[in-house]
């Protein structure tokens, strides 16, 4: 029986973040929180996220996370639902 929470696989090391205006930045995976580096695959095991598209919605943003094979892994709202980046966040932050 597999463990309830399998440890994440190795991450390729970089995540491309696409802003609503189409601007792309590449960030070190180590600089991102784990929820942004990995998402559950079809089998529930963690899959590295290599692309995050930040899409503007009426009340903030959604984050679309993609794996190395280009498959959409997760769609979530921005952490605070706020369209303004958090204070002290690095350039290119969600």
PDB file of N, CA and C in Angstrom:
ATOM      1  N   UNK A   1       0.847  -1.181   0.000  1.00  0.00           N
ATOM      2  CA  UNK A   1       0.000   0.000   0.000  1.00  0.00           C
ATOM      3  C   UNK A   1       0.892   1.244   0.000  1.00  0.00           C
ATOM      4  N   UNK A   2       0.673   2.207  -0.929  1.00  0.00           N
ATOM      5  CA  UNK A   2       1.514   3.406  -0.973  1.00  0.00           C
ATOM      6  C   UNK A   2       1.248   4.288   0.238  1.00  0.00           C
ATOM      7  N   UNK A   3       2.236   5.109   0.620  1.00  0.00           N
ATOM      8  CA  UNK A   3       2.036   6.006   1.765  1.00  0.00           C
ATOM      9  C   UNK A   3       0.898   6.986   1.485  1.00  0.00           C
ATOM     10  N   UNK A   4       0.244   7.422   2.548  1.00  0.00           N
ATOM     11  CA  UNK A   4      -0.887   8.345   2.414  1.00  0.00           C
ATOM     12  C   UNK A   4      -0.470   9.655   1.761  1.00  0.00           C
ATOM     13  N   UNK A   5       0.721  10.134   2.069  1.00  0.00           N
ATOM     14  CA  UNK A   5       1.224  11.383   1.512  1.00  0.00           C
ATOM     15  C   UNK A   5       2.600  11.124   0.916  1.00  0.00           C
ATOM     16  N   UNK A   6       2.657  10.668  -0.336  1.00  0.00           N
ATOM     17  CA  UNK A   6       3.958  10.379  -0.927  1.00  0.00           C
ATOM     18  C   UNK A   6       4.813  11.640  -1.004  1.00  0.00           C
ATOM     19  N   UNK A   7       6.098  11.454  -0.848  1.00  0.00           N
ATOM     20  CA  UNK A   7       6.984  12.603  -0.938  1.00  0.00           C
ATOM     21  C   UNK A   7       7.050  13.063  -2.387  1.00  0.00           C
ATOM     22  N   UNK A   8       7.187  14.372  -2.588  1.00  0.00           N
ATOM     23  CA  UNK A   8       7.209  14.887  -3.952  1.00  0.00           C
ATOM     24  C   UNK A   8       8.453  14.416  -4.708  1.00  0.00           C
ATOM     25  N   UNK A   9       8.333  14.270  -6.026  1.00  0.00           N
ATOM     26  CA  UNK A   9       9.493  13.906  -6.834  1.00  0.00           C
ATOM     27  C   UNK A   9      10.445  15.095  -6.941  1.00  0.00           C
ATOM     28  N   UNK A  10      11.570  14.888  -7.552  1.00  0.00           N
ATOM     29  CA  UNK A  10      12.483  15.998  -7.796  1.00  0.00           C
ATOM     30  C   UNK A  10      11.812  16.995  -8.731  1.00  0.00           C
ATOM     31  N   UNK A  11      12.037  18.265  -8.462  1.00  0.00           N
ATOM     32  CA  UNK A  11      11.485  19.328  -9.300  1.00  0.00           C
ATOM     33  C   UNK A  11      12.552  19.747 -10.304  1.00  0.00           C
ATOM     34  N   UNK A  12      12.171  20.087 -11.549  1.00  0.00           N
ATOM     35  CA  UNK A  12      13.167  20.543 -12.535  1.00  0.00           C
ATOM     36  C   UNK A  12      13.914  21.804 -12.106  1.00  0.00           C
ATOM     37  N   UNK A  13      13.371  22.541 -11.129  1.00  0.00           N
ATOM     38  CA  UNK A  13      14.112  23.680 -10.578  1.00  0.00           C
ATOM     39  C   UNK A  13      13.596  25.043 -10.948  1.00  0.00           C
ATOM     40  N   UNK A  14      12.832  25.154 -12.001  1.00  0.00           N
ATOM     41  CA  UNK A  14      12.334  26.460 -12.437  1.00  0.00           C
ATOM     42  C   UNK A  14      10.835  26.390 -12.706  1.00  0.00           C
ATOM     43  N   UNK A  15      10.156  27.523 -12.438  1.00  0.00           N
ATOM     44  CA  UNK A  15       8.734  27.650 -12.736  1.00  0.00           C
ATOM     45  C   UNK A  15       8.559  28.943 -13.526  1.00  0.00           C
ATOM     46  N   UNK A  16       7.934  28.844 -14.688  1.00  0.00           N
ATOM     47  CA  UNK A  16       7.610  30.027 -15.481  1.00  0.00           C
ATOM     48  C   UNK A  16       6.262  30.537 -15.006  1.00  0.00           C
ATOM     49  N   UNK A  17       6.208  31.822 -14.690  1.00  0.00           N
ATOM     50  CA  UNK A  17       4.973  32.445 -14.235  1.00  0.00           C
ATOM     51  C   UNK A  17       4.557  33.457 -15.305  1.00  0.00           C
ATOM     52  N   UNK A  18       3.327  33.292 -15.809  1.00  0.00           N
ATOM     53  CA  UNK A  18       2.799  34.186 -16.836  1.00  0.00           C
ATOM     54  C   UNK A  18       1.779  35.107 -16.173  1.00  0.00           C
ATOM     55  N   UNK A  19       2.057  36.415 -16.237  1.00  0.00           N
ATOM     56  CA  UNK A  19       1.162  37.421 -15.656  1.00  0.00           C
ATOM     57  C   UNK A  19      -0.041  37.633 -16.572  1.00  0.00           C
ATOM     58  N   UNK A  20      -1.104  38.255 -16.065  1.00  0.00           N
ATOM     59  CA  UNK A  20      -2.291  38.493 -16.895  1.00  0.00           C
ATOM     60  C   UNK A  20      -1.991  39.272 -18.182  1.00  0.00           C
ATOM     61  N   UNK A  21      -0.960  40.101 -18.169  1.00  0.00           N
ATOM     62  CA  UNK A  21      -0.627  40.872 -19.375  1.00  0.00           C
ATOM     63  C   UNK A  21       0.263  40.090 -20.343  1.00  0.00           C
ATOM     64  N   UNK A  22       0.575  38.829 -20.014  1.00  0.00           N
ATOM     65  CA  UNK A  22       1.392  37.988 -20.885  1.00  0.00           C
ATOM     66  C   UNK A  22       2.875  38.008 -20.568  1.00  0.00           C
ATOM     67  N   UNK A  23       3.279  38.860 -19.635  1.00  0.00           N
ATOM     68  CA  UNK A  23       4.674  38.926 -19.234  1.00  0.00           C
ATOM     69  C   UNK A  23       5.083  37.627 -18.552  1.00  0.00           C
ATOM     70  N   UNK A  24       6.216  37.082 -18.952  1.00  0.00           N
ATOM     71  CA  UNK A  24       6.706  35.839 -18.354  1.00  0.00           C
ATOM     72  C   UNK A  24       7.928  36.107 -17.497  1.00  0.00           C
ATOM     73  N   UNK A  25       7.969  35.470 -16.342  1.00  0.00           N
ATOM     74  CA  UNK A  25       9.166  35.476 -15.502  1.00  0.00           C
ATOM     75  C   UNK A  25       9.462  34.029 -15.141  1.00  0.00           C
ATOM     76  N   UNK A  26      10.733  33.759 -14.959  1.00  0.00           N
ATOM     77  CA  UNK A  26      11.142  32.422 -14.539  1.00  0.00           C
ATOM     78  C   UNK A  26      11.671  32.548 -13.127  1.00  0.00           C
ATOM     79  N   UNK A  27      11.133  31.704 -12.245  1.00  0.00           N
ATOM     80  CA  UNK A  27      11.524  31.754 -10.846  1.00  0.00           C
ATOM     81  C   UNK A  27      12.109  30.424 -10.414  1.00  0.00           C
ATOM     82  N   UNK A  28      13.005  30.485  -9.471  1.00  0.00           N
ATOM     83  CA  UNK A  28      13.538  29.268  -8.875  1.00  0.00           C
ATOM     84  C   UNK A  28      12.424  28.585  -8.100  1.00  0.00           C
ATOM     85  N   UNK A  29      12.269  27.296  -8.299  1.00  0.00           N
ATOM     86  CA  UNK A  29      11.234  26.548  -7.578  1.00  0.00           C
ATOM     87  C   UNK A  29      11.455  26.638  -6.076  1.00  0.00           C
ATOM     88  N   UNK A  30      12.698  26.705  -5.647  1.00  0.00           N
ATOM     89  CA  UNK A  30      13.001  26.786  -4.215  1.00  0.00           C
ATOM     90  C   UNK A  30      12.469  28.062  -3.579  1.00  0.00           C
ATOM     91  N   UNK A  31      12.231  29.102  -4.388  1.00  0.00           N
ATOM     92  CA  UNK A  31      11.739  30.372  -3.860  1.00  0.00           C
ATOM     93  C   UNK A  31      10.219  30.385  -3.710  1.00  0.00           C
ATOM     94  N   UNK A  32       9.553  29.346  -4.199  1.00  0.00           N
ATOM     95  CA  UNK A  32       8.092  29.295  -4.162  1.00  0.00           C
ATOM     96  C   UNK A  32       7.615  28.360  -3.054  1.00  0.00           C
ATOM     97  N   UNK A  33       6.422  28.611  -2.526  1.00  0.00           N
ATOM     98  CA  UNK A  33       5.866  27.684  -1.527  1.00  0.00           C
ATOM     99  C   UNK A  33       5.558  26.337  -2.175  1.00  0.00           C
ATOM    100  N   UNK A  34       5.510  25.292  -1.370  1.00  0.00           N
ATOM    101  CA  UNK A  34       5.293  23.947  -1.911  1.00  0.00           C
ATOM    102  C   UNK A  34       3.998  23.833  -2.692  1.00  0.00           C
ATOM    103  N   UNK A  35       2.926  24.537  -2.263  1.00  0.00           N
ATOM    104  CA  UNK A  35       1.657  24.450  -2.984  1.00  0.00           C
ATOM    105  C   UNK A  35       1.790  24.971  -4.410  1.00  0.00           C
ATOM    106  N   UNK A  36       2.780  25.839  -4.668  1.00  0.00           N
ATOM    107  CA  UNK A  36       2.996  26.372  -6.014  1.00  0.00           C
ATOM    108  C   UNK A  36       3.968  25.507  -6.819  1.00  0.00           C
ATOM    109  N   UNK A  37       4.805  24.730  -6.155  1.00  0.00           N
ATOM    110  CA  UNK A  37       5.800  23.883  -6.837  1.00  0.00           C
ATOM    111  C   UNK A  37       5.229  22.550  -7.279  1.00  0.00           C
ATOM    112  N   UNK A  38       4.232  22.038  -6.557  1.00  0.00           N
ATOM    113  CA  UNK A  38       3.685  20.715  -6.836  1.00  0.00           C
ATOM    114  C   UNK A  38       2.163  20.756  -6.807  1.00  0.00           C
ATOM    115  N   UNK A  39       1.550  19.899  -7.619  1.00  0.00           N
ATOM    116  CA  UNK A  39       0.088  19.721  -7.609  1.00  0.00           C
ATOM    117  C   UNK A  39      -0.183  18.229  -7.745  1.00  0.00           C
ATOM    118  N   UNK A  40      -1.360  17.822  -7.351  1.00  0.00           N
ATOM    119  CA  UNK A  40      -1.712  16.408  -7.433  1.00  0.00           C
ATOM    120  C   UNK A  40      -1.983  16.008  -8.880  1.00  0.00           C
ATOM    121  N   UNK A  41      -1.379  14.899  -9.288  1.00  0.00           N
ATOM    122  CA  UNK A  41      -1.638  14.350 -10.612  1.00  0.00           C
ATOM    123  C   UNK A  41      -2.914  13.535 -10.598  1.00  0.00           C
ATOM    124  N   UNK A  42      -3.221  12.900 -11.709  1.00  0.00           N
ATOM    125  CA  UNK A  42      -4.450  12.099 -11.815  1.00  0.00           C
ATOM    126  C   UNK A  42      -4.510  10.990 -10.770  1.00  0.00           C
ATOM    127  N   UNK A  43      -3.344  10.455 -10.420  1.00  0.00           N
ATOM    128  CA  UNK A  43      -3.305   9.366  -9.440  1.00  0.00           C
ATOM    129  C   UNK A  43      -3.174   9.879  -8.005  1.00  0.00           C
ATOM    130  N   UNK A  44      -3.180  11.208  -7.824  1.00  0.00           N
ATOM    131  CA  UNK A  44      -3.077  11.803  -6.504  1.00  0.00           C
ATOM    132  C   UNK A  44      -1.657  12.056  -6.044  1.00  0.00           C
ATOM    133  N   UNK A  45      -0.696  11.559  -6.799  1.00  0.00           N
ATOM    134  CA  UNK A  45       0.710  11.780  -6.422  1.00  0.00           C
ATOM    135  C   UNK A  45       1.154  13.174  -6.855  1.00  0.00           C
ATOM    136  N   UNK A  46       2.110  13.761  -6.123  1.00  0.00           N
ATOM    137  CA  UNK A  46       2.581  15.104  -6.476  1.00  0.00           C
ATOM    138  C   UNK A  46       3.309  15.108  -7.823  1.00  0.00           C
ATOM    139  N   UNK A  47       3.024  16.144  -8.607  1.00  0.00           N
ATOM    140  CA  UNK A  47       3.655  16.358  -9.907  1.00  0.00           C
ATOM    141  C   UNK A  47       4.278  17.750  -9.880  1.00  0.00           C
ATOM    142  N   UNK A  48       5.505  17.915 -10.376  1.00  0.00           N
ATOM    143  CA  UNK A  48       6.106  19.250 -10.414  1.00  0.00           C
ATOM    144  C   UNK A  48       5.306  20.204 -11.303  1.00  0.00           C
ATOM    145  N   UNK A  49       5.123  21.413 -10.836  1.00  0.00           N
ATOM    146  CA  UNK A  49       4.504  22.478 -11.619  1.00  0.00           C
ATOM    147  C   UNK A  49       5.645  23.240 -12.290  1.00  0.00           C
ATOM    148  N   UNK A  50       5.563  23.418 -13.610  1.00  0.00           N
ATOM    149  CA  UNK A  50       6.610  24.142 -14.330  1.00  0.00           C
ATOM    150  C   UNK A  50       6.100  25.423 -14.975  1.00  0.00           C
ATOM    151  N   UNK A  51       4.771  25.589 -14.996  1.00  0.00           N
ATOM    152  CA  UNK A  51       4.174  26.789 -15.576  1.00  0.00           C
ATOM    153  C   UNK A  51       2.948  27.156 -14.758  1.00  0.00           C
ATOM    154  N   UNK A  52       2.870  28.438 -14.388  1.00  0.00           N
ATOM    155  CA  UNK A  52       1.687  28.963 -13.700  1.00  0.00           C
ATOM    156  C   UNK A  52       1.209  30.161 -14.497  1.00  0.00           C
ATOM    157  N   UNK A  53      -0.036  30.104 -14.945  1.00  0.00           N
ATOM    158  CA  UNK A  53      -0.642  31.235 -15.648  1.00  0.00           C
ATOM    159  C   UNK A  53      -1.580  31.934 -14.673  1.00  0.00           C
ATOM    160  N   UNK A  54      -1.343  33.198 -14.475  1.00  0.00           N
ATOM    161  CA  UNK A  54      -2.181  34.002 -13.582  1.00  0.00           C
ATOM    162  C   UNK A  54      -3.218  34.705 -14.448  1.00  0.00           C
ATOM    163  N   UNK A  55      -4.487  34.364 -14.258  1.00  0.00           N
ATOM    164  CA  UNK A  55      -5.566  34.856 -15.107  1.00  0.00           C
ATOM    165  C   UNK A  55      -6.476  35.762 -14.282  1.00  0.00           C
ATOM    166  N   UNK A  56      -6.702  36.969 -14.791  1.00  0.00           N
ATOM    167  CA  UNK A  56      -7.553  37.933 -14.076  1.00  0.00           C
ATOM    168  C   UNK A  56      -9.004  37.467 -14.137  1.00  0.00           C
ATOM    169  N   UNK A  57      -9.674  37.563 -13.001  1.00  0.00           N
ATOM    170  CA  UNK A  57     -11.107  37.283 -12.931  1.00  0.00           C
ATOM    171  C   UNK A  57     -11.777  38.529 -12.385  1.00  0.00           C
ATOM    172  N   UNK A  58     -13.081  38.511 -12.259  1.00  0.00           N
ATOM    173  CA  UNK A  58     -13.809  39.685 -11.762  1.00  0.00           C
ATOM    174  C   UNK A  58     -13.413  40.119 -10.376  1.00  0.00           C
ATOM    175  N   UNK A  59     -12.997  39.179  -9.523  1.00  0.00           N
ATOM    176  CA  UNK A  59     -12.699  39.518  -8.133  1.00  0.00           C
ATOM    177  C   UNK A  59     -11.282  39.154  -7.717  1.00  0.00           C
ATOM    178  N   UNK A  60     -10.360  39.084  -8.636  1.00  0.00           N
ATOM    179  CA  UNK A  60      -8.985  38.727  -8.301  1.00  0.00           C
ATOM    180  C   UNK A  60      -8.350  37.957  -9.430  1.00  0.00           C
ATOM    181  N   UNK A  61      -7.752  36.826  -9.105  1.00  0.00           N
ATOM    182  CA  UNK A  61      -7.046  36.026 -10.085  1.00  0.00           C
ATOM    183  C   UNK A  61      -7.291  34.547  -9.841  1.00  0.00           C
ATOM    184  N   UNK A  62      -7.162  33.766 -10.905  1.00  0.00           N
ATOM    185  CA  UNK A  62      -7.042  32.327 -10.743  1.00  0.00           C
ATOM    186  C   UNK A  62      -5.646  31.962 -11.193  1.00  0.00           C
ATOM    187  N   UNK A  63      -5.133  30.892 -10.632  1.00  0.00           N
ATOM    188  CA  UNK A  63      -3.816  30.383 -10.984  1.00  0.00           C
ATOM    189  C   UNK A  63      -4.021  29.041 -11.662  1.00  0.00           C
ATOM    190  N   UNK A  64      -3.519  28.900 -12.876  1.00  0.00           N
ATOM    191  CA  UNK A  64      -3.606  27.642 -13.613  1.00  0.00           C
ATOM    192  C   UNK A  64      -2.217  27.037 -13.627  1.00  0.00           C
ATOM    193  N   UNK A  65      -2.085  25.889 -13.009  1.00  0.00           N
ATOM    194  CA  UNK A  65      -0.783  25.232 -12.852  1.00  0.00           C
ATOM    195  C   UNK A  65      -0.663  24.068 -13.831  1.00  0.00           C
ATOM    196  N   UNK A  66       0.474  24.017 -14.540  1.00  0.00           N
ATOM    197  CA  UNK A  66       0.715  22.997 -15.551  1.00  0.00           C
ATOM    198  C   UNK A  66       1.963  22.186 -15.216  1.00  0.00           C
ATOM    199  N   UNK A  67       1.935  20.908 -15.576  1.00  0.00           N
ATOM    200  CA  UNK A  67       3.065  20.017 -15.345  1.00  0.00           C
ATOM    201  C   UNK A  67       4.035  19.998 -16.512  1.00  0.00           C
ATOM    202  N   UNK A  68       5.123  19.234 -16.377  1.00  0.00           N
ATOM    203  CA  UNK A  68       6.150  19.169 -17.416  1.00  0.00           C
ATOM    204  C   UNK A  68       5.623  18.681 -18.769  1.00  0.00           C
ATOM    205  N   UNK A  69       4.552  17.891 -18.771  1.00  0.00           N
ATOM    206  CA  UNK A  69       3.996  17.389 -20.030  1.00  0.00           C
ATOM    207  C   UNK A  69       2.963  18.342 -20.630  1.00  0.00           C
ATOM    208  N   UNK A  70       2.775  19.525 -20.022  1.00  0.00           N
ATOM    209  CA  UNK A  70       1.836  20.518 -20.512  1.00  0.00           C
ATOM    210  C   UNK A  70       0.414  20.325 -20.025  1.00  0.00           C
ATOM    211  N   UNK A  71       0.182  19.288 -19.243  1.00  0.00           N
ATOM    212  CA  UNK A  71      -1.162  18.986 -18.741  1.00  0.00           C
ATOM    213  C   UNK A  71      -1.544  19.956 -17.622  1.00  0.00           C
ATOM    214  N   UNK A  72      -2.792  20.437 -17.671  1.00  0.00           N
ATOM    215  CA  UNK A  72      -3.322  21.273 -16.598  1.00  0.00           C
ATOM    216  C   UNK A  72      -3.475  20.416 -15.356  1.00  0.00           C
ATOM    217  N   UNK A  73      -2.838  20.833 -14.267  1.00  0.00           N
ATOM    218  CA  UNK A  73      -2.874  20.074 -13.019  1.00  0.00           C
ATOM    219  C   UNK A  73      -3.881  20.630 -12.020  1.00  0.00           C
ATOM    220  N   UNK A  74      -3.981  21.954 -11.952  1.00  0.00           N
ATOM    221  CA  UNK A  74      -4.842  22.557 -10.931  1.00  0.00           C
ATOM    222  C   UNK A  74      -5.257  23.959 -11.349  1.00  0.00           C
ATOM    223  N   UNK A  75      -6.428  24.358 -10.892  1.00  0.00           N
ATOM    224  CA  UNK A  75      -6.901  25.729 -11.026  1.00  0.00           C
ATOM    225  C   UNK A  75      -7.294  26.167  -9.629  1.00  0.00           C
ATOM    226  N   UNK A  76      -6.723  27.272  -9.185  1.00  0.00           N
ATOM    227  CA  UNK A  76      -7.024  27.758  -7.842  1.00  0.00           C
ATOM    228  C   UNK A  76      -7.095  29.277  -7.866  1.00  0.00           C
ATOM    229  N   UNK A  77      -7.609  29.849  -6.793  1.00  0.00           N
ATOM    230  CA  UNK A  77      -7.634  31.301  -6.682  1.00  0.00           C
ATOM    231  C   UNK A  77      -6.312  31.759  -6.104  1.00  0.00           C
ATOM    232  N   UNK A  78      -6.011  33.030  -6.295  1.00  0.00           N
ATOM    233  CA  UNK A  78      -4.799  33.570  -5.701  1.00  0.00           C
ATOM    234  C   UNK A  78      -4.899  33.429  -4.190  1.00  0.00           C
ATOM    235  N   UNK A  79      -3.761  33.326  -3.504  1.00  0.00           N
ATOM    236  CA  UNK A  79      -3.784  33.059  -2.061  1.00  0.00           C
ATOM    237  C   UNK A  79      -4.663  34.004  -1.257  1.00  0.00           C
ATOM    238  N   UNK A  80      -4.695  35.279  -1.623  1.00  0.00           N
ATOM    239  CA  UNK A  80      -5.494  36.219  -0.847  1.00  0.00           C
ATOM    240  C   UNK A  80      -6.679  36.769  -1.635  1.00  0.00           C
ATOM    241  N   UNK A  81      -6.873  36.325  -2.868  1.00  0.00           N
ATOM    242  CA  UNK A  81      -7.972  36.812  -3.688  1.00  0.00           C
ATOM    243  C   UNK A  81      -7.821  38.253  -4.118  1.00  0.00           C
ATOM    244  N   UNK A  82      -6.691  38.831  -3.816  1.00  0.00           N
ATOM    245  CA  UNK A  82      -6.447  40.233  -4.070  1.00  0.00           C
ATOM    246  C   UNK A  82      -5.641  40.398  -5.357  1.00  0.00           C
ATOM    247  N   UNK A  83      -6.067  41.297  -6.264  1.00  0.00           N
ATOM    248  CA  UNK A  83      -5.311  41.482  -7.491  1.00  0.00           C
ATOM    249  C   UNK A  83      -3.995  42.221  -7.308  1.00  0.00           C
ATOM    250  N   UNK A  84      -3.756  42.762  -6.125  1.00  0.00           N
ATOM    251  CA  UNK A  84      -2.504  43.461  -5.849  1.00  0.00           C
ATOM    252  C   UNK A  84      -1.540  42.491  -5.200  1.00  0.00           C
ATOM    253  N   UNK A  85      -0.292  42.480  -5.662  1.00  0.00           N
ATOM    254  CA  UNK A  85       0.660  41.530  -5.087  1.00  0.00           C
ATOM    255  C   UNK A  85       0.895  41.832  -3.611  1.00  0.00           C
ATOM    256  N   UNK A  86       1.191  40.801  -2.826  1.00  0.00           N
ATOM    257  CA  UNK A  86       1.401  40.999  -1.391  1.00  0.00           C
ATOM    258  C   UNK A  86       2.584  41.920  -1.114  1.00  0.00           C
ATOM    259  N   UNK A  87       2.520  42.716  -0.033  1.00  0.00           N
ATOM    260  CA  UNK A  87       3.637  43.594   0.315  1.00  0.00           C
ATOM    261  C   UNK A  87       4.920  42.777   0.474  1.00  0.00           C
ATOM    262  N   UNK A  88       6.000  43.313  -0.026  1.00  0.00           N
ATOM    263  CA  UNK A  88       7.296  42.652   0.110  1.00  0.00           C
ATOM    264  C   UNK A  88       7.500  41.508  -0.845  1.00  0.00           C
ATOM    265  N   UNK A  89       6.553  41.260  -1.737  1.00  0.00           N
ATOM    266  CA  UNK A  89       6.699  40.144  -2.679  1.00  0.00           C
ATOM    267  C   UNK A  89       7.709  40.533  -3.749  1.00  0.00           C
ATOM    268  N   UNK A  90       8.417  39.541  -4.216  1.00  0.00           N
ATOM    269  CA  UNK A  90       9.406  39.760  -5.263  1.00  0.00           C
ATOM    270  C   UNK A  90       8.696  40.077  -6.575  1.00  0.00           C
ATOM    271  N   UNK A  91       9.396  40.764  -7.458  1.00  0.00           N
ATOM    272  CA  UNK A  91       8.853  41.044  -8.772  1.00  0.00           C
ATOM    273  C   UNK A  91       8.483  39.745  -9.465  1.00  0.00           C
ATOM    274  N   UNK A  92       7.327  39.713 -10.097  1.00  0.00           N
ATOM    275  CA  UNK A  92       6.887  38.519 -10.778  1.00  0.00           C
ATOM    276  C   UNK A  92       6.114  37.574  -9.891  1.00  0.00           C
ATOM    277  N   UNK A  93       5.971  37.914  -8.624  1.00  0.00           N
ATOM    278  CA  UNK A  93       5.206  37.061  -7.698  1.00  0.00           C
ATOM    279  C   UNK A  93       3.772  37.013  -8.156  1.00  0.00           C
ATOM    280  N   UNK A  94       3.043  36.006  -7.757  1.00  0.00           N
ATOM    281  CA  UNK A  94       1.674  35.830  -8.187  1.00  0.00           C
ATOM    282  C   UNK A  94       0.855  37.022  -7.811  1.00  0.00           C
TER     283      UNK A  94
END
